[in-house]
N, C-alpha and C. Protein backbone atom coordinates (compact mmCIF):
# COMPACT_ATOMS: atom_id res chain seq x y z
N UNK A 1 5.14 -11.26 -37.79
CA UNK A 1 4.00 -10.80 -37.65
C UNK A 1 3.53 -11.64 -38.90
N UNK A 2 2.35 -12.10 -38.96
CA UNK A 2 1.44 -13.14 -39.71
C UNK A 2 1.62 -13.13 -41.30
N UNK A 3 0.74 -11.97 -41.56
CA UNK A 3 0.26 -11.05 -42.69
C UNK A 3 -1.59 -10.46 -42.46
N UNK A 4 -1.96 -11.48 -41.14
CA UNK A 4 -3.14 -11.36 -40.84
C UNK A 4 -3.54 -10.46 -40.45
N UNK A 5 -4.60 -9.78 -41.16
CA UNK A 5 -4.83 -8.28 -39.61
C UNK A 5 -5.14 -9.04 -38.62
N UNK A 6 -4.66 -8.21 -36.80
CA UNK A 6 -4.80 -8.95 -36.01
C UNK A 6 -6.85 -9.44 -34.75
N UNK A 7 -7.54 -8.59 -36.39
CA UNK A 7 -7.92 -7.62 -35.42
C UNK A 7 -9.43 -9.17 -36.23
N UNK A 8 -9.01 -9.48 -36.93
CA UNK A 8 -10.01 -11.26 -37.55
C UNK A 8 -10.69 -11.51 -36.41
N UNK A 9 -11.22 -11.85 -36.32
CA UNK A 9 -11.58 -13.57 -34.61
C UNK A 9 -11.53 -15.08 -35.32
N UNK A 10 -10.43 -15.48 -35.21
CA UNK A 10 -9.78 -17.16 -35.34
C UNK A 10 -11.46 -18.29 -35.65
N UNK A 11 -10.75 -19.43 -36.26
CA UNK A 11 -12.02 -19.77 -36.60
C UNK A 11 -12.90 -20.51 -35.59
N UNK A 12 -14.30 -20.87 -35.15
CA UNK A 12 -15.56 -21.09 -34.64
C UNK A 12 -14.93 -22.89 -34.69
N UNK A 13 -13.63 -23.22 -35.49
CA UNK A 13 -13.73 -24.62 -35.81
C UNK A 13 -13.24 -25.23 -34.08
N UNK A 14 -14.02 -26.00 -34.16
CA UNK A 14 -13.28 -27.19 -32.74
C UNK A 14 -13.14 -28.79 -32.69
N UNK A 15 -12.19 -29.17 -34.59
CA UNK A 15 -12.24 -30.23 -35.04
C UNK A 15 -12.44 -30.57 -34.05
N UNK A 16 -14.07 -30.83 -34.63
CA UNK A 16 -15.50 -32.20 -35.12
C UNK A 16 -15.77 -31.31 -36.82
N UNK A 17 -15.33 -32.09 -37.29
CA UNK A 17 -15.58 -31.84 -39.06
C UNK A 17 -16.63 -32.74 -39.96
N UNK A 18 -17.47 -32.76 -38.65
CA UNK A 18 -18.30 -33.89 -39.69
C UNK A 18 -19.07 -32.79 -40.00
N UNK A 19 -20.57 -32.81 -41.19
CA UNK A 19 -21.04 -32.61 -41.90
C UNK A 19 -22.80 -33.31 -42.65
N UNK A 20 -23.60 -32.20 -41.13
CA UNK A 20 -24.74 -33.15 -41.24
C UNK A 20 -25.56 -32.61 -42.56
N UNK A 21 -25.19 -33.71 -43.91
CA UNK A 21 -25.70 -33.94 -45.24
C UNK A 21 -27.02 -33.63 -45.16
N UNK A 22 -27.73 -32.77 -44.56
CA UNK A 22 -29.54 -32.26 -45.13
C UNK A 22 -28.72 -30.68 -45.60
N UNK A 23 -27.90 -30.42 -44.02
CA UNK A 23 -28.37 -28.88 -43.34
C UNK A 23 -26.55 -27.94 -44.20
N UNK A 24 -25.75 -30.04 -45.08
CA UNK A 24 -23.85 -29.47 -45.14
C UNK A 24 -23.73 -27.74 -44.52
N UNK A 25 -24.12 -28.75 -43.37
CA UNK A 25 -23.91 -27.69 -41.87
C UNK A 25 -22.94 -28.52 -41.45
N UNK A 26 -21.51 -28.08 -40.81
CA UNK A 26 -20.56 -28.74 -39.74
C UNK A 26 -21.53 -28.82 -37.99
N UNK A 27 -21.37 -29.92 -37.55
CA UNK A 27 -21.54 -30.30 -36.24
C UNK A 27 -21.40 -29.49 -35.02
N UNK A 28 -20.00 -29.31 -35.76
CA UNK A 28 -18.56 -28.69 -34.38
C UNK A 28 -18.79 -26.88 -34.79
N UNK A 29 -19.30 -27.01 -35.82
CA UNK A 29 -18.79 -25.84 -35.21
C UNK A 29 -19.50 -25.05 -35.43
N UNK A 30 -20.73 -25.00 -36.31
CA UNK A 30 -21.28 -25.14 -37.20
C UNK A 30 -22.20 -23.84 -38.35
N UNK A 31 -21.01 -24.32 -38.88
CA UNK A 31 -20.49 -23.07 -40.11
C UNK A 31 -20.88 -23.73 -41.46
N UNK A 32 -21.78 -23.22 -43.23
CA UNK A 32 -21.52 -23.86 -43.38
C UNK A 32 -20.71 -24.26 -44.57
N UNK A 33 -20.30 -25.19 -45.45
CA UNK A 33 -19.58 -26.06 -45.88
C UNK A 33 -18.24 -24.07 -46.90
N UNK A 34 -19.68 -23.39 -46.97
CA UNK A 34 -19.11 -22.45 -48.28
C UNK A 34 -18.96 -20.76 -47.61
N UNK A 35 -18.71 -21.04 -46.47
CA UNK A 35 -18.37 -20.83 -44.79
C UNK A 35 -16.95 -20.95 -44.40
N UNK A 36 -16.95 -22.40 -44.22
CA UNK A 36 -14.99 -23.26 -43.60
C UNK A 36 -14.59 -22.80 -44.94
N UNK A 37 -15.60 -23.30 -45.99
CA UNK A 37 -14.22 -22.80 -47.37
C UNK A 37 -13.63 -21.22 -47.45
N UNK A 38 -14.62 -20.52 -47.28
CA UNK A 38 -14.42 -19.18 -47.51
C UNK A 38 -14.12 -18.43 -46.25
N UNK A 39 -13.67 -19.64 -45.78
CA UNK A 39 -13.33 -18.57 -43.80
C UNK A 39 -12.54 -17.76 -44.19
N UNK A 40 -10.49 -17.95 -44.42
CA UNK A 40 -9.46 -16.83 -45.33
C UNK A 40 -9.60 -15.92 -45.34
N UNK A 41 -10.72 -16.13 -47.05
CA UNK A 41 -10.54 -15.40 -47.17
C UNK A 41 -11.93 -13.53 -47.07
N UNK A 42 -12.23 -14.07 -45.48
CA UNK A 42 -13.35 -12.99 -44.74
C UNK A 42 -12.82 -12.78 -43.51
N UNK A 43 -13.56 -10.88 -44.48
CA UNK A 43 -13.14 -9.56 -44.10
C UNK A 43 -13.96 -10.58 -42.54
N UNK A 44 -12.98 -9.84 -41.33
CA UNK A 44 -13.31 -9.67 -40.22
C UNK A 44 -15.39 -8.91 -39.55
N UNK A 45 -15.33 -7.67 -40.14
CA UNK A 45 -17.59 -7.91 -40.31
C UNK A 45 -17.95 -9.27 -40.95
N UNK A 46 -17.64 -9.95 -42.12
CA UNK A 46 -17.78 -11.31 -42.82
C UNK A 46 -17.74 -12.05 -41.45
N UNK A 47 -16.45 -12.46 -40.51
CA UNK A 47 -16.51 -13.68 -39.84
C UNK A 47 -17.20 -12.93 -38.62
N UNK A 48 -18.17 -12.22 -38.22
CA UNK A 48 -18.43 -11.87 -36.87
C UNK A 48 -19.73 -12.20 -38.00
N UNK A 49 -20.47 -11.51 -38.63
CA UNK A 49 -21.49 -11.50 -39.10
C UNK A 49 -21.77 -13.52 -38.83
N UNK A 50 -20.82 -14.22 -39.49
CA UNK A 50 -20.81 -15.47 -38.78
C UNK A 50 -20.57 -16.10 -38.25
N UNK A 51 -20.08 -15.84 -36.73
CA UNK A 51 -20.10 -15.89 -35.89
C UNK A 51 -21.70 -15.47 -34.50
N UNK A 52 -22.31 -14.49 -34.60
CA UNK A 52 -23.36 -13.70 -34.88
C UNK A 52 -24.16 -14.85 -34.81
N UNK A 53 -24.41 -15.35 -36.00
CA UNK A 53 -25.63 -16.46 -36.37
C UNK A 53 -25.61 -18.28 -35.60
N UNK A 54 -24.46 -18.04 -35.42
CA UNK A 54 -23.36 -19.60 -34.64
C UNK A 54 -24.78 -19.46 -33.82
N UNK A 55 -24.49 -19.11 -32.34
CA UNK A 55 -25.49 -19.85 -31.78
C UNK A 55 -26.71 -19.57 -31.91
N UNK A 56 -27.65 -19.72 -32.17
CA UNK A 56 -29.33 -19.97 -33.72
C UNK A 56 -29.42 -21.47 -34.20
N UNK A 57 -27.64 -21.63 -35.06
CA UNK A 57 -27.53 -22.67 -36.07
C UNK A 57 -27.16 -23.81 -34.89
N UNK A 58 -26.34 -23.63 -33.38
CA UNK A 58 -26.51 -24.80 -32.40
C UNK A 58 -27.52 -25.53 -32.21
N UNK A 59 -28.32 -23.90 -31.68
CA UNK A 59 -29.94 -24.56 -31.19
C UNK A 59 -30.58 -25.02 -32.14
N UNK A 60 -30.70 -24.52 -33.41
CA UNK A 60 -31.81 -25.38 -34.17
C UNK A 60 -30.89 -26.69 -34.35
N UNK A 61 -29.57 -27.68 -35.22
CA UNK A 61 -29.10 -28.18 -34.48
C UNK A 61 -29.43 -29.05 -33.32
N UNK A 62 -29.75 -29.16 -31.90
CA UNK A 62 -30.00 -29.96 -31.01
C UNK A 62 -28.13 -29.73 -30.55
N UNK A 63 -27.64 -28.78 -30.77
CA UNK A 63 -25.99 -29.62 -30.53
C UNK A 63 -25.76 -30.47 -31.07
N UNK A 64 -25.73 -31.27 -32.47
CA UNK A 64 -25.62 -32.11 -32.39
C UNK A 64 -23.69 -32.54 -31.96
N UNK A 65 -22.97 -31.81 -31.97
CA UNK A 65 -21.56 -32.00 -31.69
C UNK A 65 -21.54 -32.71 -30.42
N UNK A 66 -22.30 -32.54 -29.09
CA UNK A 66 -22.73 -33.08 -28.30
C UNK A 66 -22.38 -34.41 -27.77
N UNK A 67 -23.22 -35.23 -28.86
CA UNK A 67 -23.62 -36.97 -29.73
C UNK A 67 -22.89 -37.26 -30.30
N UNK A 68 -21.68 -36.64 -30.58
CA UNK A 68 -20.94 -37.80 -31.55
C UNK A 68 -19.57 -38.04 -30.76
N UNK A 69 -19.70 -39.34 -31.04
CA UNK A 69 -18.50 -40.23 -29.75
C UNK A 69 -17.56 -40.53 -30.90
N UNK A 70 -16.01 -40.68 -30.81
CA UNK A 70 -15.33 -41.29 -31.39
C UNK A 70 -15.14 -41.76 -32.82
N UNK A 71 -14.86 -42.48 -33.41
CA UNK A 71 -15.35 -43.46 -34.52
C UNK A 71 -13.93 -44.74 -34.02
N UNK A 72 -14.51 -46.25 -33.62
CA UNK A 72 -13.95 -46.68 -32.84
C UNK A 72 -13.62 -47.98 -33.57
N UNK A 73 -14.07 -47.52 -35.56
CA UNK A 73 -14.04 -48.62 -36.03
C UNK A 73 -14.33 -49.57 -35.99
C-alpha cells in the first residue's frame, strides 16, 4: 500500500509539460500551474472537480497539445 487512498483519480498529466504564458495553463493536461503544484494534496473531490473542467479548457485552447512538436534543437 502506498498510503494514498485508492479512490483518488490519477493525474491527468500526459508528459507534455508546456505552460501557455497567457493563461498559465499546461497545454498537455490543461491544469493551471496552481493545480499542478497542489495536485498531490487535493482530495478526490477536488481532483474530480478539476477533471470536470478539463474538456472545456481543452476546447478553449484548441487542443494546442496536438500541435506541439518535439524540440530538435
